[in-house]
Amino acid sequence: MSQSIADVGVDDPAEAALGLARPIDTGTVPGGPARRVDVRRVTRFLVRRPGLLLSVAVLVLVVLASFSPDLFTSQDPLKGVPSQNFRGPSGAHWFGTDELGRDVFTRVVHGAQLSLKATLIAVLVAFVLGGLLGVVAGFVGRWVDDVLMRFVDVLLSIPALFLSLALVTALGYGTVKVAVAVGIASVASFARVARAEVLRVRQAVFVEASRSCGARWYSVLGRHVLPNAAGPVIVLATLDFGASILAVSALSFLGYGAPPPAPEWGTLISDGRNYLANAWWLTALPGLAIAATVLATNRIARALDGEWSRQR
C-alpha cells in the first residue's frame, strides 16, 4: 500500500482510485521491442492486403498531383495546339487531347489541385461543425441535446445533393463556395456519430472516476471524452472524403464550380460529354480518375474502421 501512483505507472488519479493501475509499458520507449513489433505488424497487415497497398499508392499520387503537379507534367493545362485537337490516347498524350488541342492528362493533373482543395475544405467544414454540434449535444445533454438533434434531424431529412444545390445557389458560384455547401450538407452525419461516441464515453468507468475525484468538466472533456470519441469520427471523415469528391465533381459538372477554362474534374467531364461520339476519352479518363480516387479512399477507410482493430 505504500507504493505510489507513479511507481505503478498510472497517469490519472481516477484510474488509481478504481484500482486500474498497470505496469509501465517499456515498449513505448523509442527503439524498444514493442516498437519493432508494431512495425512488423503494420508491414504484415499491408502485405496481406494488396488492394489496400494499391489504394494507398493511388491516394499518394493524387495528393502529390494536387500539391506539385509539375512532378507529373510540365505542360500548361490552359494552352493547346489546335492542329492536334481530338488526338486519341498515345505515348505523346496519355489521355489524348481535347477540342482545343490541350493535353487532357495535364488538365486532369492540374484539376486534382482544385478538386482536392474543395474536398478538403468540405470535409473540414463538416468535421468541425458536425463534431462541435455532436460534442455539445452529447456532453451537455438535457434540452440542449434535444434542440441540436432536432436541427440535425431536419438536415438529415433533406437529400445531401439537393441541400448542396440550395446552398451553392444562395452562396454563389466558385470552388470554395461549392466546398462550403458540400461541407454543410454533411454536417448532420458527423454530428450524429460524434454525439453517439460522446454518450458512450461519458458512461465509461474512468470518466465517472475522474468526476468523482473532483476533475473540472473541461478537464474531463479534454483528457478523456474527446480523445476516446475521436476515432469513429476520423474514420467517418475518411469515408466522407470520397463522397465529397463525388459531390464537388457533381456540382462542378452542373456548372457551379470554377468558371472555364479551370480544369476541375467535374468540369472536364461536362466539357467532354458533347464529344462522346468521336472522343470518348474526354469523359471516360477524367471519370476514371475520380472513380479511382473515391474507391481508394473508401478502401482505406474500411481498413481503418474494422480490419486494423480486428487484427489488433
Foldseek 3Di string as FASTA:
>chain_A
DPDDLVQQPDPDVLCVVVVVGHHDDPLVPPPDPVVVVVVVLVVVLCVVCVVLVVLVVLQVLLVCLQVPVVVPPDDDQADADQVQALAPADPVANLGHHNRHGRLVSLLSPQSNLLLVLLVLLLVLLQVLLLVLQLCLQLVPDVSVVVSLVVLVVLVVDPLLVQLVVQLVVVAFESNSSSNSSNVSNNSVLSVLNNVQLNVQCPDSSLVSCVVVPDDSVCSCVVGRCVRSCQVSVLVSLLVSLVSSVSSLVCVLVPRYDDPPRSHLNVQLNVCVVPCPRRVSSNVVSVVSSVSNSVSSVVVSVCSPPVVVVVD
